[in-house]
Amino acid sequence: MENCIFCKIAAGEIPSQKVYEDENMIAFKDINPQAKVHVLVVPKSHFATLADMNADQAELVKQCFVNIPHIAESLGLTNGYRLIVNQGQDAGQTVHHLHIHILGGQPMGEKML
């Protein structure tokens, strides 16, 4: 998408603090962290929500989840982490490109955030 910030980050047009990248996805530090460690995992294919994805994009999401434990380990998150996927306005999704938040580096408690 032409004006999607995550597409621009994935294309290298906007700098980011990358922690992982392959041909299908990129993971980078969130610019407004909500925990000591806050990384976004972003498929390089643009789609806004899980409801918008096609079969190929579903495979990309699967690969993101396969890679998340390795990314988390590389970030030192050996005592646990939280994953969040916001879906739409009511969930607080502000960038309409599907992404997965990895939060950790501290006790998270039982509340949602």
PDB file of N, CA and C in Angstrom:
ATOM      1  N   MET A   1       0.841  -1.181   0.000  1.00  0.00           N
ATOM      2  CA  MET A   1       0.000   0.000   0.000  1.00  0.00           C
ATOM      3  C   MET A   1       0.882   1.237   0.000  1.00  0.00           C
ATOM      4  N   GLU A   2       0.467   2.182  -0.749  1.00  0.00           N
ATOM      5  CA  GLU A   2       1.263   3.384  -0.987  1.00  0.00           C
ATOM      6  C   GLU A   2       1.551   4.192   0.278  1.00  0.00           C
ATOM      7  N   ASN A   3       0.581   4.361   1.160  1.00  0.00           N
ATOM      8  CA  ASN A   3       0.762   5.198   2.336  1.00  0.00           C
ATOM      9  C   ASN A   3       0.896   4.416   3.635  1.00  0.00           C
ATOM     10  N   CYS A   4       1.123   3.133   3.562  1.00  0.00           N
ATOM     11  CA  CYS A   4       1.217   2.293   4.758  1.00  0.00           C
ATOM     12  C   CYS A   4       2.625   2.378   5.346  1.00  0.00           C
ATOM     13  N   ILE A   5       2.710   2.840   6.577  1.00  0.00           N
ATOM     14  CA  ILE A   5       4.011   2.986   7.228  1.00  0.00           C
ATOM     15  C   ILE A   5       4.727   1.640   7.372  1.00  0.00           C
ATOM     16  N   PHE A   6       3.984   0.560   7.645  1.00  0.00           N
ATOM     17  CA  PHE A   6       4.632  -0.743   7.795  1.00  0.00           C
ATOM     18  C   PHE A   6       5.136  -1.274   6.458  1.00  0.00           C
ATOM     19  N   CYS A   7       4.425  -1.012   5.384  1.00  0.00           N
ATOM     20  CA  CYS A   7       4.918  -1.388   4.052  1.00  0.00           C
ATOM     21  C   CYS A   7       6.205  -0.631   3.737  1.00  0.00           C
ATOM     22  N   LYS A   8       6.255   0.648   4.115  1.00  0.00           N
ATOM     23  CA  LYS A   8       7.449   1.468   3.877  1.00  0.00           C
ATOM     24  C   LYS A   8       8.618   0.986   4.729  1.00  0.00           C
ATOM     25  N   ILE A   9       8.362   0.583   5.960  1.00  0.00           N
ATOM     26  CA  ILE A   9       9.421   0.025   6.800  1.00  0.00           C
ATOM     27  C   ILE A   9       9.929  -1.280   6.198  1.00  0.00           C
ATOM     28  N   ALA A  10       9.009  -2.146   5.783  1.00  0.00           N
ATOM     29  CA  ALA A  10       9.397  -3.430   5.185  1.00  0.00           C
ATOM     30  C   ALA A  10      10.208  -3.241   3.906  1.00  0.00           C
ATOM     31  N   ALA A  11       9.906  -2.184   3.159  1.00  0.00           N
ATOM     32  CA  ALA A  11      10.623  -1.898   1.909  1.00  0.00           C
ATOM     33  C   ALA A  11      11.938  -1.168   2.153  1.00  0.00           C
ATOM     34  N   GLY A  12      12.225  -0.791   3.393  1.00  0.00           N
ATOM     35  CA  GLY A  12      13.445  -0.078   3.705  1.00  0.00           C
ATOM     36  C   GLY A  12      13.375   1.417   3.433  1.00  0.00           C
ATOM     37  N   GLU A  13      12.173   1.935   3.163  1.00  0.00           N
ATOM     38  CA  GLU A  13      12.007   3.360   2.879  1.00  0.00           C
ATOM     39  C   GLU A  13      11.995   4.197   4.150  1.00  0.00           C
ATOM     40  N   ILE A  14      11.635   3.600   5.266  1.00  0.00           N
ATOM     41  CA  ILE A  14      11.633   4.267   6.565  1.00  0.00           C
ATOM     42  C   ILE A  14      12.522   3.429   7.486  1.00  0.00           C
ATOM     43  N   PRO A  15      13.455   4.069   8.185  1.00  0.00           N
ATOM     44  CA  PRO A  15      14.333   3.299   9.064  1.00  0.00           C
ATOM     45  C   PRO A  15      13.587   2.722  10.264  1.00  0.00           C
ATOM     46  N   SER A  16      14.092   1.615  10.755  1.00  0.00           N
ATOM     47  CA  SER A  16      13.543   0.985  11.948  1.00  0.00           C
ATOM     48  C   SER A  16      14.673   0.262  12.663  1.00  0.00           C
ATOM     49  N   GLN A  17      14.408  -0.107  13.903  1.00  0.00           N
ATOM     50  CA  GLN A  17      15.369  -0.910  14.660  1.00  0.00           C
ATOM     51  C   GLN A  17      14.995  -2.374  14.477  1.00  0.00           C
ATOM     52  N   LYS A  18      15.446  -2.941  13.368  1.00  0.00           N
ATOM     53  CA  LYS A  18      15.117  -4.327  13.037  1.00  0.00           C
ATOM     54  C   LYS A  18      15.756  -5.295  14.017  1.00  0.00           C
ATOM     55  N   VAL A  19      14.980  -6.302  14.373  1.00  0.00           N
ATOM     56  CA  VAL A  19      15.510  -7.391  15.182  1.00  0.00           C
ATOM     57  C   VAL A  19      15.475  -8.713  14.416  1.00  0.00           C
ATOM     58  N   TYR A  20      14.704  -8.745  13.311  1.00  0.00           N
ATOM     59  CA  TYR A  20      14.619  -9.941  12.471  1.00  0.00           C
ATOM     60  C   TYR A  20      14.029  -9.543  11.128  1.00  0.00           C
ATOM     61  N   GLU A  21      14.506 -10.199  10.074  1.00  0.00           N
ATOM     62  CA  GLU A  21      13.896 -10.014   8.757  1.00  0.00           C
ATOM     63  C   GLU A  21      14.189 -11.224   7.899  1.00  0.00           C
ATOM     64  N   ASP A  22      13.198 -11.627   7.128  1.00  0.00           N
ATOM     65  CA  ASP A  22      13.386 -12.613   6.065  1.00  0.00           C
ATOM     66  C   ASP A  22      12.563 -12.166   4.872  1.00  0.00           C
ATOM     67  N   GLU A  23      12.401 -13.006   3.896  1.00  0.00           N
ATOM     68  CA  GLU A  23      11.709 -12.600   2.666  1.00  0.00           C
ATOM     69  C   GLU A  23      10.220 -12.333   2.862  1.00  0.00           C
ATOM     70  N   ASN A  24       9.641 -12.838   3.956  1.00  0.00           N
ATOM     71  CA  ASN A  24       8.198 -12.730   4.165  1.00  0.00           C
ATOM     72  C   ASN A  24       7.760 -11.820   5.308  1.00  0.00           C
ATOM     73  N   MET A  25       8.691 -11.483   6.203  1.00  0.00           N
ATOM     74  CA  MET A  25       8.298 -10.737   7.393  1.00  0.00           C
ATOM     75  C   MET A  25       9.453  -9.901   7.904  1.00  0.00           C
ATOM     76  N   ILE A  26       9.092  -8.950   8.755  1.00  0.00           N
ATOM     77  CA  ILE A  26      10.086  -8.117   9.431  1.00  0.00           C
ATOM     78  C   ILE A  26       9.628  -7.944  10.881  1.00  0.00           C
ATOM     79  N   ALA A  27      10.589  -7.869  11.787  1.00  0.00           N
ATOM     80  CA  ALA A  27      10.292  -7.590  13.192  1.00  0.00           C
ATOM     81  C   ALA A  27      11.183  -6.428  13.612  1.00  0.00           C
ATOM     82  N   PHE A  28      10.578  -5.448  14.274  1.00  0.00           N
ATOM     83  CA  PHE A  28      11.329  -4.258  14.673  1.00  0.00           C
ATOM     84  C   PHE A  28      10.773  -3.707  15.980  1.00  0.00           C
ATOM     85  N   LYS A  29      11.596  -2.917  16.660  1.00  0.00           N
ATOM     86  CA  LYS A  29      11.198  -2.337  17.941  1.00  0.00           C
ATOM     87  C   LYS A  29      10.109  -1.295  17.726  1.00  0.00           C
ATOM     88  N   ASP A  30       9.106  -1.319  18.603  1.00  0.00           N
ATOM     89  CA  ASP A  30       8.025  -0.345  18.568  1.00  0.00           C
ATOM     90  C   ASP A  30       8.568   1.017  18.996  1.00  0.00           C
ATOM     91  N   ILE A  31       8.162   2.085  18.312  1.00  0.00           N
ATOM     92  CA  ILE A  31       8.655   3.420  18.659  1.00  0.00           C
ATOM     93  C   ILE A  31       7.969   3.988  19.898  1.00  0.00           C
ATOM     94  N   ASN A  32       6.894   3.346  20.346  1.00  0.00           N
ATOM     95  CA  ASN A  32       6.189   3.772  21.551  1.00  0.00           C
ATOM     96  C   ASN A  32       5.988   2.542  22.442  1.00  0.00           C
ATOM     97  N   PRO A  33       7.078   2.025  23.022  1.00  0.00           N
ATOM     98  CA  PRO A  33       6.987   0.749  23.737  1.00  0.00           C
ATOM     99  C   PRO A  33       6.058   0.795  24.940  1.00  0.00           C
ATOM    100  N   GLN A  34       5.319  -0.304  25.095  1.00  0.00           N
ATOM    101  CA  GLN A  34       4.390  -0.470  26.206  1.00  0.00           C
ATOM    102  C   GLN A  34       4.924  -1.446  27.252  1.00  0.00           C
ATOM    103  N   ALA A  35       6.151  -1.932  27.049  1.00  0.00           N
ATOM    104  CA  ALA A  35       6.834  -2.827  27.983  1.00  0.00           C
ATOM    105  C   ALA A  35       8.335  -2.637  27.759  1.00  0.00           C
ATOM    106  N   LYS A  36       9.143  -3.216  28.646  1.00  0.00           N
ATOM    107  CA  LYS A  36      10.597  -3.093  28.477  1.00  0.00           C
ATOM    108  C   LYS A  36      11.033  -3.578  27.105  1.00  0.00           C
ATOM    109  N   VAL A  37      10.436  -4.654  26.652  1.00  0.00           N
ATOM    110  CA  VAL A  37      10.660  -5.152  25.290  1.00  0.00           C
ATOM    111  C   VAL A  37       9.319  -5.082  24.568  1.00  0.00           C
ATOM    112  N   HIS A  38       9.300  -4.385  23.434  1.00  0.00           N
ATOM    113  CA  HIS A  38       8.079  -4.279  22.633  1.00  0.00           C
ATOM    114  C   HIS A  38       8.498  -4.275  21.168  1.00  0.00           C
ATOM    115  N   VAL A  39       8.217  -5.381  20.510  1.00  0.00           N
ATOM    116  CA  VAL A  39       8.594  -5.586  19.110  1.00  0.00           C
ATOM    117  C   VAL A  39       7.343  -5.850  18.305  1.00  0.00           C
ATOM    118  N   LEU A  40       7.320  -5.353  17.079  1.00  0.00           N
ATOM    119  CA  LEU A  40       6.227  -5.620  16.145  1.00  0.00           C
ATOM    120  C   LEU A  40       6.700  -6.614  15.103  1.00  0.00           C
ATOM    121  N   VAL A  41       5.897  -7.631  14.852  1.00  0.00           N
ATOM    122  CA  VAL A  41       6.156  -8.626  13.817  1.00  0.00           C
ATOM    123  C   VAL A  41       5.153  -8.359  12.704  1.00  0.00           C
ATOM    124  N   VAL A  42       5.673  -8.080  11.502  1.00  0.00           N
ATOM    125  CA  VAL A  42       4.832  -7.599  10.405  1.00  0.00           C
ATOM    126  C   VAL A  42       5.047  -8.450   9.152  1.00  0.00           C
ATOM    127  N   PRO A  43       3.995  -9.097   8.641  1.00  0.00           N
ATOM    128  CA  PRO A  43       4.125  -9.752   7.340  1.00  0.00           C
ATOM    129  C   PRO A  43       4.379  -8.684   6.272  1.00  0.00           C
ATOM    130  N   LYS A  44       5.186  -9.003   5.286  1.00  0.00           N
ATOM    131  CA  LYS A  44       5.484  -8.018   4.243  1.00  0.00           C
ATOM    132  C   LYS A  44       4.330  -7.824   3.265  1.00  0.00           C
ATOM    133  N   SER A  45       3.417  -8.754   3.212  1.00  0.00           N
ATOM    134  CA  SER A  45       2.217  -8.619   2.383  1.00  0.00           C
ATOM    135  C   SER A  45       1.212  -7.749   3.131  1.00  0.00           C
ATOM    136  N   HIS A  46       0.640  -6.783   2.434  1.00  0.00           N
ATOM    137  CA  HIS A  46      -0.275  -5.853   3.084  1.00  0.00           C
ATOM    138  C   HIS A  46      -1.700  -6.407   3.140  1.00  0.00           C
ATOM    139  N   PHE A  47      -2.249  -6.465   4.355  1.00  0.00           N
ATOM    140  CA  PHE A  47      -3.666  -6.701   4.612  1.00  0.00           C
ATOM    141  C   PHE A  47      -3.924  -6.194   6.017  1.00  0.00           C
ATOM    142  N   ALA A  48      -5.112  -5.674   6.254  1.00  0.00           N
ATOM    143  CA  ALA A  48      -5.376  -4.947   7.489  1.00  0.00           C
ATOM    144  C   ALA A  48      -5.662  -5.857   8.682  1.00  0.00           C
ATOM    145  N   THR A  49      -6.474  -6.885   8.488  1.00  0.00           N
ATOM    146  CA  THR A  49      -6.905  -7.725   9.599  1.00  0.00           C
ATOM    147  C   THR A  49      -6.901  -9.190   9.192  1.00  0.00           C
ATOM    148  N   LEU A  50      -7.072 -10.045  10.165  1.00  0.00           N
ATOM    149  CA  LEU A  50      -7.156 -11.474   9.873  1.00  0.00           C
ATOM    150  C   LEU A  50      -8.315 -11.777   8.926  1.00  0.00           C
ATOM    151  N   ALA A  51      -9.410 -11.039   9.050  1.00  0.00           N
ATOM    152  CA  ALA A  51     -10.570 -11.249   8.184  1.00  0.00           C
ATOM    153  C   ALA A  51     -10.286 -10.873   6.737  1.00  0.00           C
ATOM    154  N   ASP A  52      -9.277 -10.042   6.511  1.00  0.00           N
ATOM    155  CA  ASP A  52      -8.943  -9.583   5.158  1.00  0.00           C
ATOM    156  C   ASP A  52      -7.943 -10.474   4.440  1.00  0.00           C
ATOM    157  N   MET A  53      -7.335 -11.415   5.127  1.00  0.00           N
ATOM    158  CA  MET A  53      -6.251 -12.181   4.504  1.00  0.00           C
ATOM    159  C   MET A  53      -6.775 -13.289   3.594  1.00  0.00           C
ATOM    160  N   ASN A  54      -5.973 -13.578   2.571  1.00  0.00           N
ATOM    161  CA  ASN A  54      -6.259 -14.703   1.680  1.00  0.00           C
ATOM    162  C   ASN A  54      -5.430 -15.907   2.146  1.00  0.00           C
ATOM    163  N   ALA A  55      -5.501 -17.009   1.427  1.00  0.00           N
ATOM    164  CA  ALA A  55      -4.814 -18.236   1.841  1.00  0.00           C
ATOM    165  C   ALA A  55      -3.296 -18.050   1.881  1.00  0.00           C
ATOM    166  N   ASP A  56      -2.728 -17.344   0.911  1.00  0.00           N
ATOM    167  CA  ASP A  56      -1.282 -17.107   0.913  1.00  0.00           C
ATOM    168  C   ASP A  56      -0.868 -16.247   2.110  1.00  0.00           C
ATOM    169  N   GLN A  57      -1.667 -15.245   2.415  1.00  0.00           N
ATOM    170  CA  GLN A  57      -1.367 -14.383   3.557  1.00  0.00           C
ATOM    171  C   GLN A  57      -1.530 -15.141   4.868  1.00  0.00           C
ATOM    172  N   ALA A  58      -2.474 -16.066   4.919  1.00  0.00           N
ATOM    173  CA  ALA A  58      -2.628 -16.898   6.112  1.00  0.00           C
ATOM    174  C   ALA A  58      -1.364 -17.719   6.348  1.00  0.00           C
ATOM    175  N   GLU A  59      -0.747 -18.174   5.279  1.00  0.00           N
ATOM    176  CA  GLU A  59       0.521 -18.909   5.405  1.00  0.00           C
ATOM    177  C   GLU A  59       1.618 -17.995   5.952  1.00  0.00           C
ATOM    178  N   LEU A  60       1.622 -16.722   5.548  1.00  0.00           N
ATOM    179  CA  LEU A  60       2.600 -15.764   6.076  1.00  0.00           C
ATOM    180  C   LEU A  60       2.400 -15.550   7.577  1.00  0.00           C
ATOM    181  N   VAL A  61       1.144 -15.451   8.010  1.00  0.00           N
ATOM    182  CA  VAL A  61       0.856 -15.282   9.437  1.00  0.00           C
ATOM    183  C   VAL A  61       1.332 -16.514  10.195  1.00  0.00           C
ATOM    184  N   LYS A  62       1.105 -17.685   9.630  1.00  0.00           N
ATOM    185  CA  LYS A  62       1.594 -18.921  10.250  1.00  0.00           C
ATOM    186  C   LYS A  62       3.106 -18.856  10.422  1.00  0.00           C
ATOM    187  N   GLN A  63       3.819 -18.416   9.390  1.00  0.00           N
ATOM    188  CA  GLN A  63       5.277 -18.325   9.473  1.00  0.00           C
ATOM    189  C   GLN A  63       5.714 -17.299  10.515  1.00  0.00           C
ATOM    190  N   CYS A  64       4.963 -16.216  10.650  1.00  0.00           N
ATOM    191  CA  CYS A  64       5.261 -15.246  11.710  1.00  0.00           C
ATOM    192  C   CYS A  64       5.215 -15.933  13.060  1.00  0.00           C
ATOM    193  N   PHE A  65       4.154 -16.696  13.314  1.00  0.00           N
ATOM    194  CA  PHE A  65       4.007 -17.366  14.603  1.00  0.00           C
ATOM    195  C   PHE A  65       5.059 -18.458  14.801  1.00  0.00           C
ATOM    196  N   VAL A  66       5.492 -19.096  13.731  1.00  0.00           N
ATOM    197  CA  VAL A  66       6.569 -20.082  13.839  1.00  0.00           C
ATOM    198  C   VAL A  66       7.870 -19.392  14.247  1.00  0.00           C
ATOM    199  N   ASN A  67       8.108 -18.179  13.735  1.00  0.00           N
ATOM    200  CA  ASN A  67       9.352 -17.458  14.020  1.00  0.00           C
ATOM    201  C   ASN A  67       9.336 -16.697  15.343  1.00  0.00           C
ATOM    202  N   ILE A  68       8.172 -16.399  15.875  1.00  0.00           N
ATOM    203  CA  ILE A  68       8.100 -15.590  17.098  1.00  0.00           C
ATOM    204  C   ILE A  68       8.891 -16.199  18.253  1.00  0.00           C
ATOM    205  N   PRO A  69       8.841 -17.497  18.547  1.00  0.00           N
ATOM    206  CA  PRO A  69       9.647 -18.013  19.663  1.00  0.00           C
ATOM    207  C   PRO A  69      11.150 -17.763  19.480  1.00  0.00           C
ATOM    208  N   HIS A  70      11.640 -17.836  18.256  1.00  0.00           N
ATOM    209  CA  HIS A  70      13.057 -17.585  17.989  1.00  0.00           C
ATOM    210  C   HIS A  70      13.393 -16.106  18.174  1.00  0.00           C
ATOM    211  N   ILE A  71      12.489 -15.238  17.723  1.00  0.00           N
ATOM    212  CA  ILE A  71      12.676 -13.797  17.906  1.00  0.00           C
ATOM    213  C   ILE A  71      12.670 -13.469  19.392  1.00  0.00           C
ATOM    214  N   ALA A  72      11.695 -14.010  20.118  1.00  0.00           N
ATOM    215  CA  ALA A  72      11.594 -13.751  21.554  1.00  0.00           C
ATOM    216  C   ALA A  72      12.855 -14.215  22.283  1.00  0.00           C
ATOM    217  N   GLU A  73      13.351 -15.384  21.929  1.00  0.00           N
ATOM    218  CA  GLU A  73      14.574 -15.885  22.563  1.00  0.00           C
ATOM    219  C   GLU A  73      15.752 -14.965  22.270  1.00  0.00           C
ATOM    220  N   SER A  74      15.845 -14.479  21.026  1.00  0.00           N
ATOM    221  CA  SER A  74      16.948 -13.584  20.676  1.00  0.00           C
ATOM    222  C   SER A  74      16.877 -12.261  21.434  1.00  0.00           C
ATOM    223  N   LEU A  75      15.684 -11.899  21.897  1.00  0.00           N
ATOM    224  CA  LEU A  75      15.486 -10.679  22.671  1.00  0.00           C
ATOM    225  C   LEU A  75      15.655 -10.908  24.168  1.00  0.00           C
ATOM    226  N   GLY A  76      15.978 -12.137  24.558  1.00  0.00           N
ATOM    227  CA  GLY A  76      16.175 -12.459  25.963  1.00  0.00           C
ATOM    228  C   GLY A  76      14.890 -12.734  26.716  1.00  0.00           C
ATOM    229  N   LEU A  77      13.811 -12.974  26.006  1.00  0.00           N
ATOM    230  CA  LEU A  77      12.510 -13.213  26.648  1.00  0.00           C
ATOM    231  C   LEU A  77      12.360 -14.696  26.976  1.00  0.00           C
ATOM    232  N   THR A  78      13.178 -15.154  27.913  1.00  0.00           N
ATOM    233  CA  THR A  78      13.198 -16.578  28.266  1.00  0.00           C
ATOM    234  C   THR A  78      12.244 -16.916  29.396  1.00  0.00           C
ATOM    235  N   ASN A  79      11.651 -15.891  30.019  1.00  0.00           N
ATOM    236  CA  ASN A  79      10.746 -16.128  31.140  1.00  0.00           C
ATOM    237  C   ASN A  79       9.287 -15.832  30.753  1.00  0.00           C
ATOM    238  N   GLY A  80       9.028 -15.722  29.448  1.00  0.00           N
ATOM    239  CA  GLY A  80       7.674 -15.479  28.979  1.00  0.00           C
ATOM    240  C   GLY A  80       7.519 -14.149  28.270  1.00  0.00           C
ATOM    241  N   TYR A  81       6.439 -14.042  27.524  1.00  0.00           N
ATOM    242  CA  TYR A  81       6.107 -12.831  26.778  1.00  0.00           C
ATOM    243  C   TYR A  81       4.645 -12.872  26.415  1.00  0.00           C
ATOM    244  N   ARG A  82       4.126 -11.733  26.020  1.00  0.00           N
ATOM    245  CA  ARG A  82       2.719 -11.616  25.634  1.00  0.00           C
ATOM    246  C   ARG A  82       2.650 -11.267  24.155  1.00  0.00           C
ATOM    247  N   LEU A  83       1.682 -11.877  23.450  1.00  0.00           N
ATOM    248  CA  LEU A  83       1.413 -11.558  22.042  1.00  0.00           C
ATOM    249  C   LEU A  83       0.054 -10.887  21.950  1.00  0.00           C
ATOM    250  N   ILE A  84      -0.014  -9.819  21.150  1.00  0.00           N
ATOM    251  CA  ILE A  84      -1.273  -9.112  20.948  1.00  0.00           C
ATOM    252  C   ILE A  84      -1.433  -8.828  19.454  1.00  0.00           C
ATOM    253  N   VAL A  85      -2.633  -9.091  18.942  1.00  0.00           N
ATOM    254  CA  VAL A  85      -2.992  -8.735  17.568  1.00  0.00           C
ATOM    255  C   VAL A  85      -4.269  -7.908  17.659  1.00  0.00           C
ATOM    256  N   ASN A  86      -4.150  -6.604  17.474  1.00  0.00           N
ATOM    257  CA  ASN A  86      -5.318  -5.729  17.495  1.00  0.00           C
ATOM    258  C   ASN A  86      -6.029  -5.823  16.150  1.00  0.00           C
ATOM    259  N   GLN A  87      -7.348  -5.913  16.197  1.00  0.00           N
ATOM    260  CA  GLN A  87      -8.161  -6.088  15.000  1.00  0.00           C
ATOM    261  C   GLN A  87      -9.229  -5.007  14.928  1.00  0.00           C
ATOM    262  N   GLY A  88      -8.955  -3.935  14.208  1.00  0.00           N
ATOM    263  CA  GLY A  88      -9.944  -2.894  14.002  1.00  0.00           C
ATOM    264  C   GLY A  88      -9.907  -1.786  15.035  1.00  0.00           C
ATOM    265  N   GLN A  89     -10.713  -0.790  14.798  1.00  0.00           N
ATOM    266  CA  GLN A  89     -10.742   0.431  15.598  1.00  0.00           C
ATOM    267  C   GLN A  89     -11.057   0.180  17.066  1.00  0.00           C
ATOM    268  N   ASP A  90     -12.066  -0.629  17.364  1.00  0.00           N
ATOM    269  CA  ASP A  90     -12.438  -0.874  18.752  1.00  0.00           C
ATOM    270  C   ASP A  90     -11.325  -1.572  19.540  1.00  0.00           C
ATOM    271  N   ALA A  91     -10.469  -2.302  18.851  1.00  0.00           N
ATOM    272  CA  ALA A  91      -9.361  -2.993  19.515  1.00  0.00           C
ATOM    273  C   ALA A  91      -8.133  -2.100  19.654  1.00  0.00           C
ATOM    274  N   GLY A  92      -8.183  -0.908  19.070  1.00  0.00           N
ATOM    275  CA  GLY A  92      -7.062   0.008  19.164  1.00  0.00           C
ATOM    276  C   GLY A  92      -6.051  -0.124  18.044  1.00  0.00           C
ATOM    277  N   GLN A  93      -6.433  -0.771  16.946  1.00  0.00           N
ATOM    278  CA  GLN A  93      -5.521  -0.897  15.814  1.00  0.00           C
ATOM    279  C   GLN A  93      -5.359   0.477  15.161  1.00  0.00           C
ATOM    280  N   THR A  94      -4.135   1.009  15.184  1.00  0.00           N
ATOM    281  CA  THR A  94      -3.884   2.336  14.627  1.00  0.00           C
ATOM    282  C   THR A  94      -3.197   2.285  13.271  1.00  0.00           C
ATOM    283  N   VAL A  95      -2.480   1.200  12.998  1.00  0.00           N
ATOM    284  CA  VAL A  95      -1.881   1.000  11.670  1.00  0.00           C
ATOM    285  C   VAL A  95      -2.622  -0.171  11.052  1.00  0.00           C
ATOM    286  N   HIS A  96      -3.256   0.072   9.943  1.00  0.00           N
ATOM    287  CA  HIS A  96      -4.115  -0.935   9.321  1.00  0.00           C
ATOM    288  C   HIS A  96      -3.334  -1.823   8.358  1.00  0.00           C
ATOM    289  N   HIS A  97      -2.343  -2.478   8.936  1.00  0.00           N
ATOM    290  CA  HIS A  97      -1.538  -3.529   8.314  1.00  0.00           C
ATOM    291  C   HIS A  97      -1.363  -4.541   9.436  1.00  0.00           C
ATOM    292  N   LEU A  98      -1.813  -5.767   9.222  1.00  0.00           N
ATOM    293  CA  LEU A  98      -1.766  -6.758  10.287  1.00  0.00           C
ATOM    294  C   LEU A  98      -0.374  -6.809  10.902  1.00  0.00           C
ATOM    295  N   HIS A  99      -0.309  -6.819  12.218  1.00  0.00           N
ATOM    296  CA  HIS A  99       0.960  -6.935  12.928  1.00  0.00           C
ATOM    297  C   HIS A  99       0.713  -7.577  14.287  1.00  0.00           C
ATOM    298  N   ILE A 100       1.760  -8.193  14.794  1.00  0.00           N
ATOM    299  CA  ILE A 100       1.711  -8.905  16.064  1.00  0.00           C
ATOM    300  C   ILE A 100       2.674  -8.221  17.022  1.00  0.00           C
ATOM    301  N   HIS A 101       2.177  -7.848  18.185  1.00  0.00           N
ATOM    302  CA  HIS A 101       3.020  -7.237  19.209  1.00  0.00           C
ATOM    303  C   HIS A 101       3.616  -8.339  20.070  1.00  0.00           C
ATOM    304  N   ILE A 102       4.925  -8.266  20.301  1.00  0.00           N
ATOM    305  CA  ILE A 102       5.589  -9.096  21.306  1.00  0.00           C
ATOM    306  C   ILE A 102       5.954  -8.154  22.443  1.00  0.00           C
ATOM    307  N   LEU A 103       5.425  -8.438  23.633  1.00  0.00           N
ATOM    308  CA  LEU A 103       5.702  -7.617  24.820  1.00  0.00           C
ATOM    309  C   LEU A 103       6.316  -8.488  25.896  1.00  0.00           C
ATOM    310  N   GLY A 104       7.358  -7.989  26.552  1.00  0.00           N
ATOM    311  CA  GLY A 104       7.970  -8.757  27.617  1.00  0.00           C
ATOM    312  C   GLY A 104       9.090  -7.999  28.292  1.00  0.00           C
ATOM    313  N   GLY A 105       9.947  -8.770  28.940  1.00  0.00           N
ATOM    314  CA  GLY A 105      11.073  -8.179  29.658  1.00  0.00           C
ATOM    315  C   GLY A 105      10.724  -7.728  31.059  1.00  0.00           C
ATOM    316  N   GLN A 106       9.501  -8.030  31.478  1.00  0.00           N
ATOM    317  CA  GLN A 106       9.027  -7.640  32.807  1.00  0.00           C
ATOM    318  C   GLN A 106       7.800  -8.492  33.119  1.00  0.00           C
ATOM    319  N   PRO A 107       7.454  -8.629  34.397  1.00  0.00           N
ATOM    320  CA  PRO A 107       6.195  -9.320  34.718  1.00  0.00           C
ATOM    321  C   PRO A 107       5.021  -8.521  34.134  1.00  0.00           C
ATOM    322  N   MET A 108       4.129  -9.192  33.439  1.00  0.00           N
ATOM    323  CA  MET A 108       3.030  -8.528  32.767  1.00  0.00           C
ATOM    324  C   MET A 108       1.759  -8.467  33.615  1.00  0.00           C
ATOM    325  N   GLY A 109       1.624  -9.319  34.595  1.00  0.00           N
ATOM    326  CA  GLY A 109       0.408  -9.322  35.397  1.00  0.00           C
ATOM    327  C   GLY A 109      -0.740  -9.988  34.658  1.00  0.00           C
ATOM    328  N   GLU A 110      -1.884 -10.024  35.293  1.00  0.00           N
ATOM    329  CA  GLU A 110      -3.031 -10.716  34.729  1.00  0.00           C
ATOM    330  C   GLU A 110      -3.918  -9.824  33.887  1.00  0.00           C
ATOM    331  N   LYS A 111      -3.738  -8.513  33.945  1.00  0.00           N
ATOM    332  CA  LYS A 111      -4.562  -7.623  33.148  1.00  0.00           C
ATOM    333  C   LYS A 111      -4.133  -7.707  31.687  1.00  0.00           C
ATOM    334  N   MET A 112      -4.953  -7.165  30.822  1.00  0.00           N
ATOM    335  CA  MET A 112      -4.694  -7.262  29.380  1.00  0.00           C
ATOM    336  C   MET A 112      -3.404  -6.572  28.955  1.00  0.00           C
ATOM    337  N   LEU A 113      -3.098  -5.439  29.538  1.00  0.00           N
ATOM    338  CA  LEU A 113      -1.873  -4.717  29.186  1.00  0.00           C
ATOM    339  C   LEU A 113      -1.095  -4.339  30.412  1.00  0.00           C
TER     340      LEU A 113
END
